[in-house]
Amino acid sequence: MMKKIVLIPILIFLSTLTCFSQVKIKRSSLSPGGGVYTSGDITLVSTVGELKTMEKSNGNTHLSEGFINPNILIALKVEDYDELTGIRIYPNPVKDDLHIEFSKNDTYELHLFDVTGNEIFVKPENGLRSVINMSGYPAGIYILSVVDRNNKKAKTFKFRKE
């Protein structure tokens, strides 16, 4: 009986800790390259190649363990667009110039993102061909989104920079 009496106040105390917590963690992507991320007195450590494995929420606090793929379509406001066809990118992997070929002469937006979802390059394009010089970017995985706002179509490509 004594163990139950001692255990109840401890459980009540522990449950109130989360109610008064002032630490807020912004939802963000963790790099698959590994790293250490700190917010207040909470530290998250991710390892190389770690995938998203778990998410926990408690009020305003949201904790994600592992890597969260960025939702590029929502960021570009094209989640309700149809798939854009007839687009070709090469070479993959790329060292210097990434070539983009369009099947028809139209107006496009090229959006380049790093693997964590940060937009690092935007370019309006008219014509049948375009080139993005990748020589100044570090090696890694990149995401290219081609958007045709006039026809409400979009296509996303993943490629590797050596």
N, C-alpha and C. Protein backbone atom coordinates (compact mmCIF):
# COMPACT_ATOMS: atom_id res chain seq x y z
N MET A 1 0.82 -1.20 0.00
CA MET A 1 0.00 0.00 0.00
C MET A 1 0.86 1.25 0.00
N MET A 2 1.98 1.22 0.70
CA MET A 2 2.87 2.37 0.80
C MET A 2 3.47 2.72 -0.57
N LYS A 3 3.79 1.70 -1.39
CA LYS A 3 4.35 1.94 -2.72
C LYS A 3 3.36 2.68 -3.60
N LYS A 4 2.08 2.34 -3.51
CA LYS A 4 1.05 3.02 -4.30
C LYS A 4 0.91 4.47 -3.90
N ILE A 5 0.99 4.76 -2.60
CA ILE A 5 0.86 6.14 -2.11
C ILE A 5 2.03 6.98 -2.59
N VAL A 6 3.24 6.44 -2.60
CA VAL A 6 4.42 7.17 -3.06
C VAL A 6 4.39 7.33 -4.57
N LEU A 7 3.94 6.33 -5.28
CA LEU A 7 3.95 6.34 -6.73
C LEU A 7 2.95 7.34 -7.31
N ILE A 8 1.80 7.52 -6.70
CA ILE A 8 0.77 8.43 -7.22
C ILE A 8 1.27 9.87 -7.26
N PRO A 9 1.87 10.43 -6.19
CA PRO A 9 2.38 11.82 -6.29
C PRO A 9 3.48 11.97 -7.33
N ILE A 10 4.30 10.96 -7.49
CA ILE A 10 5.38 11.03 -8.49
C ILE A 10 4.78 11.08 -9.89
N LEU A 11 3.78 10.27 -10.16
CA LEU A 11 3.12 10.28 -11.48
C LEU A 11 2.42 11.61 -11.74
N ILE A 12 1.77 12.16 -10.73
CA ILE A 12 1.11 13.46 -10.89
C ILE A 12 2.14 14.54 -11.19
N PHE A 13 3.27 14.52 -10.47
CA PHE A 13 4.32 15.50 -10.70
C PHE A 13 4.88 15.39 -12.12
N LEU A 14 5.15 14.18 -12.57
CA LEU A 14 5.71 13.98 -13.92
C LEU A 14 4.73 14.41 -15.00
N SER A 15 3.43 14.18 -14.80
CA SER A 15 2.45 14.57 -15.82
C SER A 15 2.30 16.09 -15.90
N THR A 16 2.55 16.82 -14.81
CA THR A 16 2.45 18.28 -14.84
C THR A 16 3.65 18.93 -15.50
N LEU A 17 4.76 18.23 -15.58
CA LEU A 17 5.95 18.80 -16.22
C LEU A 17 5.68 19.20 -17.67
N THR A 18 4.97 18.35 -18.41
CA THR A 18 4.71 18.66 -19.82
C THR A 18 3.70 19.79 -19.96
N CYS A 19 2.83 19.97 -18.97
CA CYS A 19 1.83 21.05 -19.04
C CYS A 19 2.48 22.42 -18.93
N PHE A 20 3.56 22.53 -18.17
CA PHE A 20 4.20 23.83 -17.93
C PHE A 20 5.45 24.03 -18.77
N SER A 21 5.71 23.14 -19.68
CA SER A 21 6.91 23.24 -20.51
C SER A 21 6.81 24.45 -21.43
N GLN A 22 7.90 25.23 -21.51
CA GLN A 22 7.95 26.40 -22.36
C GLN A 22 8.75 26.15 -23.64
N VAL A 23 9.26 24.95 -23.82
CA VAL A 23 10.10 24.63 -24.97
C VAL A 23 9.21 24.32 -26.16
N LYS A 24 9.45 25.02 -27.26
CA LYS A 24 8.72 24.75 -28.49
C LYS A 24 9.73 24.34 -29.55
N ILE A 25 9.45 23.27 -30.23
CA ILE A 25 10.33 22.80 -31.30
C ILE A 25 9.60 23.02 -32.61
N LYS A 26 10.22 23.78 -33.52
CA LYS A 26 9.62 23.98 -34.84
C LYS A 26 9.79 22.71 -35.64
N ARG A 27 8.74 22.32 -36.39
CA ARG A 27 8.84 21.16 -37.25
C ARG A 27 9.78 21.51 -38.40
N SER A 28 10.80 20.71 -38.58
CA SER A 28 11.75 20.95 -39.65
C SER A 28 12.34 19.62 -40.08
N SER A 29 13.04 19.64 -41.17
CA SER A 29 13.65 18.44 -41.68
C SER A 29 15.03 18.26 -41.08
N LEU A 30 15.35 17.04 -40.71
CA LEU A 30 16.69 16.71 -40.25
C LEU A 30 17.47 16.17 -41.45
N SER A 31 18.69 16.58 -41.57
CA SER A 31 19.50 16.16 -42.70
C SER A 31 19.84 14.68 -42.61
N PRO A 32 19.77 13.95 -43.75
CA PRO A 32 20.16 12.55 -43.73
C PRO A 32 21.68 12.40 -43.60
N GLY A 33 22.40 13.52 -43.59
CA GLY A 33 23.85 13.48 -43.39
C GLY A 33 24.21 13.44 -41.93
N GLY A 34 23.22 13.51 -41.04
CA GLY A 34 23.48 13.46 -39.61
C GLY A 34 23.73 14.85 -39.04
N GLY A 35 23.57 14.98 -37.76
CA GLY A 35 23.83 16.25 -37.12
C GLY A 35 23.21 16.33 -35.75
N VAL A 36 23.45 17.46 -35.07
CA VAL A 36 22.90 17.71 -33.75
C VAL A 36 22.10 19.00 -33.82
N TYR A 37 20.86 18.98 -33.33
CA TYR A 37 19.96 20.12 -33.38
C TYR A 37 19.44 20.40 -31.98
N THR A 38 19.49 21.67 -31.55
CA THR A 38 19.11 22.03 -30.19
C THR A 38 18.05 23.11 -30.21
N SER A 39 17.06 22.96 -29.33
CA SER A 39 16.04 23.97 -29.11
C SER A 39 15.78 24.01 -27.61
N GLY A 40 16.16 25.11 -26.97
CA GLY A 40 16.02 25.19 -25.52
C GLY A 40 16.91 24.17 -24.86
N ASP A 41 16.32 23.35 -24.00
CA ASP A 41 17.10 22.32 -23.33
C ASP A 41 16.91 20.93 -23.95
N ILE A 42 16.38 20.87 -25.17
CA ILE A 42 16.18 19.60 -25.86
C ILE A 42 17.16 19.50 -27.02
N THR A 43 17.83 18.38 -27.12
CA THR A 43 18.79 18.15 -28.19
C THR A 43 18.38 16.90 -28.96
N LEU A 44 18.36 16.99 -30.29
CA LEU A 44 18.07 15.85 -31.16
C LEU A 44 19.34 15.51 -31.92
N VAL A 45 19.66 14.24 -31.99
CA VAL A 45 20.84 13.78 -32.73
C VAL A 45 20.36 12.85 -33.83
N SER A 46 20.74 13.14 -35.08
CA SER A 46 20.38 12.24 -36.18
C SER A 46 21.67 11.65 -36.75
N THR A 47 21.57 10.42 -37.24
CA THR A 47 22.74 9.75 -37.78
C THR A 47 22.65 9.71 -39.29
N VAL A 48 23.75 9.39 -39.93
CA VAL A 48 23.81 9.34 -41.38
C VAL A 48 22.82 8.31 -41.90
N GLY A 49 21.96 8.73 -42.84
CA GLY A 49 21.02 7.83 -43.48
C GLY A 49 19.79 7.49 -42.65
N GLU A 50 19.59 8.17 -41.52
CA GLU A 50 18.44 7.88 -40.66
C GLU A 50 17.15 8.31 -41.35
N LEU A 51 16.16 7.46 -41.33
CA LEU A 51 14.88 7.76 -41.95
C LEU A 51 13.87 8.16 -40.88
N LYS A 52 12.79 8.81 -41.31
CA LYS A 52 11.71 9.18 -40.39
C LYS A 52 11.15 7.91 -39.77
N THR A 53 11.11 7.88 -38.44
CA THR A 53 10.61 6.68 -37.78
C THR A 53 9.47 6.95 -36.82
N MET A 54 9.38 8.16 -36.23
CA MET A 54 8.35 8.38 -35.24
C MET A 54 8.08 9.87 -35.08
N GLU A 55 6.83 10.22 -34.78
CA GLU A 55 6.46 11.59 -34.44
C GLU A 55 5.58 11.56 -33.20
N LYS A 56 5.83 12.49 -32.29
CA LYS A 56 5.04 12.62 -31.06
C LYS A 56 4.59 14.06 -30.91
N SER A 57 3.35 14.26 -30.46
CA SER A 57 2.84 15.60 -30.22
C SER A 57 2.27 15.68 -28.82
N ASN A 58 2.45 16.85 -28.19
CA ASN A 58 1.88 17.10 -26.88
C ASN A 58 1.58 18.59 -26.82
N GLY A 59 0.34 18.96 -27.09
CA GLY A 59 0.00 20.38 -27.09
C GLY A 59 0.71 21.10 -28.22
N ASN A 60 1.49 22.12 -27.88
CA ASN A 60 2.22 22.89 -28.88
C ASN A 60 3.56 22.28 -29.24
N THR A 61 3.96 21.22 -28.56
CA THR A 61 5.26 20.59 -28.81
C THR A 61 5.09 19.43 -29.77
N HIS A 62 5.88 19.43 -30.84
CA HIS A 62 5.86 18.35 -31.84
C HIS A 62 7.28 17.86 -31.99
N LEU A 63 7.52 16.56 -31.72
CA LEU A 63 8.85 16.00 -31.79
C LEU A 63 8.88 14.95 -32.88
N SER A 64 9.80 15.10 -33.82
CA SER A 64 9.97 14.14 -34.90
C SER A 64 11.33 13.49 -34.76
N GLU A 65 11.35 12.18 -34.85
CA GLU A 65 12.61 11.46 -34.77
C GLU A 65 12.97 11.01 -36.17
N GLY A 66 14.12 11.39 -36.65
CA GLY A 66 14.57 10.96 -37.97
C GLY A 66 14.33 12.02 -39.02
N PHE A 67 14.38 11.63 -40.27
CA PHE A 67 14.32 12.54 -41.41
C PHE A 67 12.89 12.69 -41.91
N ILE A 68 12.47 13.93 -42.14
CA ILE A 68 11.15 14.21 -42.70
C ILE A 68 11.36 14.73 -44.11
N ASN A 69 10.81 14.06 -45.10
CA ASN A 69 10.93 14.55 -46.46
C ASN A 69 10.15 15.85 -46.61
N PRO A 70 10.76 16.85 -47.20
CA PRO A 70 10.03 18.10 -47.39
C PRO A 70 8.91 17.93 -48.39
N ASN A 71 7.76 18.56 -48.15
CA ASN A 71 6.66 18.48 -49.10
C ASN A 71 6.76 19.69 -50.02
N ILE A 72 7.49 19.50 -51.11
CA ILE A 72 7.78 20.57 -52.07
C ILE A 72 6.50 21.07 -52.73
N LEU A 73 5.56 20.16 -53.02
CA LEU A 73 4.34 20.56 -53.71
C LEU A 73 3.52 21.55 -52.90
N ILE A 74 3.44 21.35 -51.60
CA ILE A 74 2.71 22.29 -50.75
C ILE A 74 3.46 23.62 -50.68
N ALA A 75 4.78 23.58 -50.58
CA ALA A 75 5.57 24.81 -50.52
C ALA A 75 5.39 25.65 -51.78
N LEU A 76 5.24 25.00 -52.92
CA LEU A 76 5.07 25.71 -54.19
C LEU A 76 3.61 26.03 -54.50
N LYS A 77 2.70 25.58 -53.64
CA LYS A 77 1.26 25.77 -53.83
C LYS A 77 0.79 25.12 -55.14
N VAL A 78 1.26 23.89 -55.40
CA VAL A 78 0.88 23.17 -56.61
C VAL A 78 0.36 21.76 -56.29
N GLU A 79 -0.06 21.54 -55.04
CA GLU A 79 -0.49 20.19 -54.66
C GLU A 79 -1.71 19.71 -55.43
N ASP A 80 -2.50 20.63 -56.00
CA ASP A 80 -3.68 20.22 -56.78
C ASP A 80 -3.42 20.25 -58.29
N TYR A 81 -2.17 20.45 -58.69
CA TYR A 81 -1.82 20.49 -60.12
C TYR A 81 -1.73 19.08 -60.68
N ASP A 82 -1.99 18.95 -61.98
CA ASP A 82 -1.77 17.69 -62.68
C ASP A 82 -0.28 17.51 -62.94
N GLU A 83 0.10 16.28 -63.35
CA GLU A 83 1.50 16.01 -63.63
C GLU A 83 1.91 16.59 -64.98
N LEU A 84 3.02 17.29 -64.98
CA LEU A 84 3.59 17.86 -66.19
C LEU A 84 4.39 16.77 -66.88
N THR A 85 4.08 16.49 -68.14
CA THR A 85 4.77 15.44 -68.88
C THR A 85 5.67 16.05 -69.95
N GLY A 86 6.56 15.22 -70.48
CA GLY A 86 7.41 15.65 -71.57
C GLY A 86 8.63 16.45 -71.13
N ILE A 87 9.00 16.37 -69.86
CA ILE A 87 10.17 17.07 -69.35
C ILE A 87 11.28 16.04 -69.16
N ARG A 88 12.49 16.41 -69.53
CA ARG A 88 13.64 15.51 -69.37
C ARG A 88 14.79 16.29 -68.75
N ILE A 89 15.43 15.71 -67.73
CA ILE A 89 16.64 16.33 -67.17
C ILE A 89 17.80 15.35 -67.33
N TYR A 90 19.00 15.90 -67.53
CA TYR A 90 20.21 15.07 -67.66
C TYR A 90 21.43 15.96 -67.50
N PRO A 91 22.57 15.42 -67.16
CA PRO A 91 22.84 14.05 -66.72
C PRO A 91 22.48 13.88 -65.25
N ASN A 92 22.34 12.67 -64.84
CA ASN A 92 22.10 12.35 -63.43
C ASN A 92 22.93 11.14 -63.09
N PRO A 93 23.99 11.32 -62.34
CA PRO A 93 24.40 12.48 -61.56
C PRO A 93 25.00 13.58 -62.43
N VAL A 94 24.98 14.80 -61.91
CA VAL A 94 25.50 15.97 -62.62
C VAL A 94 26.76 16.46 -61.93
N LYS A 95 27.71 16.96 -62.73
CA LYS A 95 28.91 17.59 -62.17
C LYS A 95 28.82 19.09 -62.29
N ASP A 96 28.53 19.60 -63.48
CA ASP A 96 28.53 21.04 -63.72
C ASP A 96 27.15 21.54 -64.17
N ASP A 97 26.75 21.21 -65.40
CA ASP A 97 25.50 21.74 -65.95
C ASP A 97 24.39 20.70 -65.96
N LEU A 98 23.25 21.06 -65.39
CA LEU A 98 22.06 20.24 -65.45
C LEU A 98 21.21 20.75 -66.60
N HIS A 99 20.91 19.89 -67.56
CA HIS A 99 20.13 20.26 -68.74
C HIS A 99 18.67 19.87 -68.54
N ILE A 100 17.78 20.77 -68.91
CA ILE A 100 16.34 20.52 -68.84
C ILE A 100 15.77 20.73 -70.24
N GLU A 101 15.02 19.74 -70.73
CA GLU A 101 14.36 19.84 -72.03
C GLU A 101 12.86 19.77 -71.84
N PHE A 102 12.14 20.68 -72.49
CA PHE A 102 10.68 20.74 -72.43
C PHE A 102 10.11 20.25 -73.76
N SER A 103 8.96 19.61 -73.71
CA SER A 103 8.36 19.08 -74.93
C SER A 103 7.65 20.15 -75.75
N LYS A 104 7.29 21.27 -75.11
CA LYS A 104 6.66 22.35 -75.86
C LYS A 104 7.16 23.70 -75.36
N ASN A 105 7.12 24.66 -76.24
CA ASN A 105 7.57 26.01 -75.93
C ASN A 105 6.50 26.69 -75.09
N ASP A 106 6.77 26.85 -73.80
CA ASP A 106 5.80 27.42 -72.88
C ASP A 106 6.55 28.19 -71.79
N THR A 107 5.82 28.73 -70.83
CA THR A 107 6.42 29.46 -69.71
C THR A 107 6.47 28.53 -68.50
N TYR A 108 7.66 28.38 -67.91
CA TYR A 108 7.87 27.48 -66.79
C TYR A 108 8.58 28.22 -65.66
N GLU A 109 8.46 27.66 -64.46
CA GLU A 109 9.25 28.09 -63.32
C GLU A 109 10.12 26.91 -62.91
N LEU A 110 11.42 27.14 -62.71
CA LEU A 110 12.32 26.11 -62.22
C LEU A 110 12.65 26.44 -60.77
N HIS A 111 12.38 25.51 -59.88
CA HIS A 111 12.65 25.68 -58.44
C HIS A 111 13.62 24.58 -58.02
N LEU A 112 14.77 24.97 -57.48
CA LEU A 112 15.78 24.02 -57.03
C LEU A 112 15.82 24.03 -55.51
N PHE A 113 15.74 22.83 -54.91
CA PHE A 113 15.74 22.66 -53.47
C PHE A 113 16.88 21.74 -53.06
N ASP A 114 17.45 21.99 -51.87
CA ASP A 114 18.38 21.01 -51.33
C ASP A 114 17.56 19.90 -50.68
N VAL A 115 18.22 18.89 -50.17
CA VAL A 115 17.51 17.71 -49.65
C VAL A 115 16.71 18.02 -48.39
N THR A 116 17.01 19.11 -47.70
CA THR A 116 16.25 19.46 -46.50
C THR A 116 15.02 20.29 -46.82
N GLY A 117 14.82 20.63 -48.10
CA GLY A 117 13.64 21.38 -48.49
C GLY A 117 13.84 22.87 -48.61
N ASN A 118 15.08 23.35 -48.44
CA ASN A 118 15.35 24.78 -48.59
C ASN A 118 15.44 25.12 -50.07
N GLU A 119 14.65 26.11 -50.49
CA GLU A 119 14.70 26.55 -51.89
C GLU A 119 15.97 27.37 -52.07
N ILE A 120 16.82 26.94 -53.00
CA ILE A 120 18.12 27.61 -53.19
C ILE A 120 18.24 28.31 -54.54
N PHE A 121 17.24 28.12 -55.41
CA PHE A 121 17.35 28.69 -56.74
C PHE A 121 15.97 28.74 -57.37
N VAL A 122 15.63 29.87 -58.01
CA VAL A 122 14.37 30.00 -58.76
C VAL A 122 14.70 30.68 -60.08
N LYS A 123 14.12 30.15 -61.15
CA LYS A 123 14.41 30.72 -62.47
C LYS A 123 13.17 30.61 -63.35
N PRO A 124 12.65 31.74 -63.86
CA PRO A 124 11.59 31.65 -64.87
C PRO A 124 12.22 31.23 -66.20
N GLU A 125 11.49 30.47 -66.98
CA GLU A 125 12.05 29.95 -68.23
C GLU A 125 11.00 29.94 -69.33
N ASN A 126 11.40 30.38 -70.51
CA ASN A 126 10.59 30.30 -71.72
C ASN A 126 11.42 29.58 -72.76
N GLY A 127 10.83 28.65 -73.45
CA GLY A 127 11.57 27.97 -74.50
C GLY A 127 11.50 26.46 -74.39
N LEU A 128 12.39 25.80 -75.11
CA LEU A 128 12.42 24.35 -75.15
C LEU A 128 13.56 23.75 -74.34
N ARG A 129 14.54 24.59 -73.93
CA ARG A 129 15.70 24.09 -73.19
C ARG A 129 16.11 25.09 -72.11
N SER A 130 16.73 24.54 -71.07
CA SER A 130 17.30 25.38 -70.01
C SER A 130 18.49 24.65 -69.42
N VAL A 131 19.37 25.42 -68.79
CA VAL A 131 20.56 24.86 -68.14
C VAL A 131 20.70 25.51 -66.77
N ILE A 132 20.98 24.68 -65.76
CA ILE A 132 21.30 25.18 -64.43
C ILE A 132 22.74 24.79 -64.14
N ASN A 133 23.57 25.78 -63.87
CA ASN A 133 24.97 25.51 -63.53
C ASN A 133 25.04 25.09 -62.07
N MET A 134 25.42 23.84 -61.83
CA MET A 134 25.47 23.26 -60.48
C MET A 134 26.88 23.26 -59.91
N SER A 135 27.86 23.81 -60.64
CA SER A 135 29.25 23.72 -60.20
C SER A 135 29.51 24.41 -58.86
N GLY A 136 28.73 25.40 -58.49
CA GLY A 136 28.94 26.09 -57.23
C GLY A 136 28.24 25.46 -56.03
N TYR A 137 27.52 24.38 -56.25
CA TYR A 137 26.77 23.73 -55.17
C TYR A 137 27.53 22.51 -54.66
N PRO A 138 27.42 22.20 -53.37
CA PRO A 138 28.10 21.02 -52.84
C PRO A 138 27.48 19.73 -53.34
N ALA A 139 28.24 18.66 -53.28
CA ALA A 139 27.74 17.34 -53.66
C ALA A 139 26.58 16.95 -52.75
N GLY A 140 25.63 16.24 -53.32
CA GLY A 140 24.48 15.79 -52.52
C GLY A 140 23.27 15.57 -53.39
N ILE A 141 22.13 15.36 -52.75
CA ILE A 141 20.85 15.13 -53.43
C ILE A 141 20.11 16.47 -53.53
N TYR A 142 19.54 16.73 -54.71
CA TYR A 142 18.78 17.95 -54.96
C TYR A 142 17.43 17.59 -55.57
N ILE A 143 16.49 18.51 -55.45
CA ILE A 143 15.15 18.33 -55.99
C ILE A 143 14.87 19.51 -56.92
N LEU A 144 14.46 19.20 -58.15
CA LEU A 144 14.09 20.22 -59.12
C LEU A 144 12.60 20.09 -59.39
N SER A 145 11.87 21.18 -59.20
CA SER A 145 10.45 21.22 -59.55
C SER A 145 10.25 22.14 -60.73
N VAL A 146 9.57 21.64 -61.74
CA VAL A 146 9.24 22.42 -62.93
C VAL A 146 7.74 22.68 -62.86
N VAL A 147 7.37 23.96 -62.89
CA VAL A 147 5.97 24.34 -62.71
C VAL A 147 5.49 25.10 -63.94
N ASP A 148 4.34 24.69 -64.45
CA ASP A 148 3.64 25.39 -65.53
C ASP A 148 2.36 25.95 -64.92
N ARG A 149 2.42 27.20 -64.46
CA ARG A 149 1.27 27.81 -63.76
C ARG A 149 0.10 28.06 -64.72
N ASN A 150 0.38 28.35 -66.00
CA ASN A 150 -0.69 28.62 -66.97
C ASN A 150 -1.61 27.42 -67.15
N ASN A 151 -1.02 26.21 -67.17
CA ASN A 151 -1.80 24.99 -67.38
C ASN A 151 -2.01 24.18 -66.11
N LYS A 152 -1.59 24.73 -64.96
CA LYS A 152 -1.72 24.08 -63.65
C LYS A 152 -1.14 22.67 -63.67
N LYS A 153 0.15 22.58 -64.05
CA LYS A 153 0.85 21.30 -64.07
C LYS A 153 2.23 21.48 -63.44
N ALA A 154 2.73 20.39 -62.84
CA ALA A 154 4.05 20.43 -62.20
C ALA A 154 4.68 19.04 -62.23
N LYS A 155 6.00 19.02 -62.20
CA LYS A 155 6.75 17.77 -62.17
C LYS A 155 7.97 17.98 -61.29
N THR A 156 8.27 17.01 -60.43
CA THR A 156 9.41 17.10 -59.53
C THR A 156 10.39 15.98 -59.85
N PHE A 157 11.67 16.35 -59.90
CA PHE A 157 12.75 15.39 -60.18
C PHE A 157 13.73 15.40 -59.01
N LYS A 158 14.28 14.24 -58.72
CA LYS A 158 15.34 14.14 -57.72
C LYS A 158 16.61 13.75 -58.49
N PHE A 159 17.72 14.44 -58.20
CA PHE A 159 18.98 14.11 -58.87
C PHE A 159 20.14 14.28 -57.90
N ARG A 160 21.28 13.74 -58.30
CA ARG A 160 22.47 13.78 -57.45
C ARG A 160 23.52 14.67 -58.08
N LYS A 161 24.16 15.50 -57.26
CA LYS A 161 25.28 16.35 -57.68
C LYS A 161 26.56 15.71 -57.15
N GLU A 162 27.52 15.45 -58.06
CA GLU A 162 28.81 14.87 -57.64
C GLU A 162 29.78 15.95 -57.25
